[in-house]
Amino acid sequence: MNIEALAIIGTLSIFVGGLLYLPFYLWMRWKKKKGEGPKSRFNVRLTGAGITFYGCMVVMLFVGFAQEHLAPHSAFGAFVSSREGRLAYAGGMLALWVTLEFILTKFGFKFVKPTNEDV
């Protein structure tokens, strides 16, 4: 897959996803203003650091999985082209990011915060 096709498909996917999401987002905001909708669906919210951290994880997964198409003749590209390789890569990345999150949380970084007004 070349970069132009990747950019076109990615841009169109984001655009269509936004168009599909927008009516429901506006409807829930309208319901919340009327006092009928829920305050929140979850009891935690992502902070800016959390969005950045988890976004980097998704980008790293995307880059790794794309190597199957961008560099299929390299050792890593051949590795992630198999089912077991993709699972091993995803498991390794998950273990790495969970460990990194645990360490950063111990140093005081906040990736999520409670939404309760009492806290």
Protein backbone atom coordinates (compact mmCIF):
# COMPACT_ATOMS: atom_id res chain seq x y z
CA MET A 1 0.00 0.00 0.00
CA ASN A 2 1.43 3.37 -0.91
CA ILE A 3 1.30 6.51 1.22
CA GLU A 4 -1.26 8.28 -1.00
CA ALA A 5 -3.74 5.44 -0.71
CA LEU A 6 -3.16 5.26 3.04
CA ALA A 7 -3.75 9.01 3.40
CA ILE A 8 -6.90 8.94 1.26
CA ILE A 9 -8.41 5.92 3.01
CA GLY A 10 -7.49 7.24 6.46
CA THR A 11 -8.89 10.71 5.75
CA LEU A 12 -12.12 9.34 4.32
CA SER A 13 -12.51 6.98 7.28
CA ILE A 14 -12.09 9.80 9.78
CA PHE A 15 -14.48 12.03 7.81
CA VAL A 16 -17.21 9.37 7.52
CA GLY A 17 -16.77 8.38 11.17
CA GLY A 18 -17.19 12.01 12.20
CA LEU A 19 -20.29 12.38 10.06
CA LEU A 20 -21.82 9.27 11.61
CA TYR A 21 -20.92 10.35 15.14
CA LEU A 22 -22.00 14.00 14.91
CA PRO A 23 -25.82 13.53 15.03
CA PHE A 24 -25.64 11.35 18.14
CA TYR A 25 -23.20 13.74 19.83
CA LEU A 26 -25.49 16.71 19.19
CA TRP A 27 -28.54 14.73 20.31
CA MET A 28 -26.89 13.75 23.61
CA ARG A 29 -25.80 17.35 24.25
CA TRP A 30 -29.37 18.52 23.60
CA LYS A 31 -30.75 15.86 25.96
CA LYS A 32 -28.20 16.82 28.63
CA LYS A 33 -29.20 20.50 28.39
CA LYS A 34 -32.85 19.54 28.89
CA GLY A 35 -31.82 17.53 31.95
CA GLU A 36 -33.02 14.23 30.52
CA GLY A 37 -29.74 12.67 29.49
CA PRO A 38 -27.12 11.06 31.65
CA LYS A 39 -24.37 13.26 33.09
CA SER A 40 -21.74 10.80 32.00
CA ARG A 41 -21.59 7.23 30.77
CA PHE A 42 -18.43 6.50 32.72
CA ASN A 43 -17.13 7.36 36.14
CA VAL A 44 -13.67 8.33 34.80
CA ARG A 45 -12.46 10.78 32.16
CA LEU A 46 -9.25 10.83 30.15
CA THR A 47 -6.86 13.68 30.83
CA GLY A 48 -4.77 15.33 28.13
CA ALA A 49 -1.81 13.17 29.13
CA GLY A 50 -4.02 10.08 28.86
CA ILE A 51 -5.19 10.94 25.37
CA THR A 52 -1.57 11.51 24.30
CA PHE A 53 -0.34 8.32 25.96
CA TYR A 54 -3.04 6.04 24.58
CA GLY A 55 -2.89 7.77 21.20
CA CYS A 56 0.84 7.00 21.00
CA MET A 57 0.08 3.36 21.77
CA VAL A 58 -2.42 3.18 18.91
CA VAL A 59 0.04 4.87 16.54
CA MET A 60 2.77 2.38 17.48
CA LEU A 61 0.40 -0.52 16.86
CA PHE A 62 -0.62 0.98 13.52
CA VAL A 63 2.99 1.51 12.44
CA GLY A 64 3.93 -2.04 13.41
CA PHE A 65 1.00 -3.62 11.62
CA ALA A 66 1.62 -1.45 8.54
CA GLN A 67 5.08 -2.95 8.12
CA GLU A 68 3.42 -5.98 6.59
CA HIS A 69 2.54 -3.78 3.61
CA LEU A 70 5.23 -1.09 3.73
CA ALA A 71 8.24 -3.41 4.10
CA PRO A 72 7.05 -6.96 3.40
CA HIS A 73 10.56 -8.26 2.59
CA SER A 74 12.11 -7.11 5.87
CA ALA A 75 12.36 -9.49 8.81
CA PHE A 76 9.86 -7.50 10.87
CA GLY A 77 7.45 -7.17 7.94
CA ALA A 78 7.54 -10.92 7.42
CA PHE A 79 7.07 -11.43 11.17
CA VAL A 80 3.89 -9.32 11.40
CA SER A 81 2.47 -10.78 8.21
CA SER A 82 1.70 -14.04 10.02
CA ARG A 83 -1.17 -14.41 12.46
CA GLU A 84 1.11 -15.49 15.28
CA GLY A 85 3.44 -12.57 14.59
CA ARG A 86 0.62 -10.05 14.76
CA LEU A 87 -0.59 -11.54 18.04
CA ALA A 88 2.94 -11.58 19.47
CA TYR A 89 3.52 -7.96 18.39
CA ALA A 90 0.19 -6.82 19.86
CA GLY A 91 0.84 -8.72 23.10
CA GLY A 92 4.35 -7.32 23.39
CA MET A 93 3.18 -3.78 22.75
CA LEU A 94 0.36 -4.20 25.25
CA ALA A 95 2.75 -5.49 27.92
CA LEU A 96 5.19 -2.64 27.20
CA TRP A 97 2.54 0.09 27.41
CA VAL A 98 0.90 -1.36 30.54
CA THR A 99 4.29 -1.46 32.24
CA LEU A 100 5.07 2.07 31.09
CA GLU A 101 1.70 3.30 32.34
CA PHE A 102 2.28 1.65 35.72
CA ILE A 103 5.70 3.30 36.05
CA LEU A 104 4.49 6.73 34.97
CA THR A 105 1.51 6.50 37.31
CA LYS A 106 3.89 5.78 40.19
CA PHE A 107 5.77 8.99 39.31
CA GLY A 108 2.55 11.01 39.53
CA PHE A 109 1.26 11.20 35.96
CA LYS A 110 -2.54 11.16 35.78
CA PHE A 111 -4.03 9.51 32.70
CA VAL A 112 -7.60 9.29 34.02
CA LYS A 113 -9.54 11.26 36.61
CA PRO A 114 -12.82 10.52 38.40
CA THR A 115 -15.91 12.41 37.23
CA ASN A 116 -17.67 12.36 40.59
CA GLU A 117 -18.21 15.85 41.95
CA ASP A 118 -17.69 14.53 45.48
CA VAL A 119 -14.07 13.56 44.81
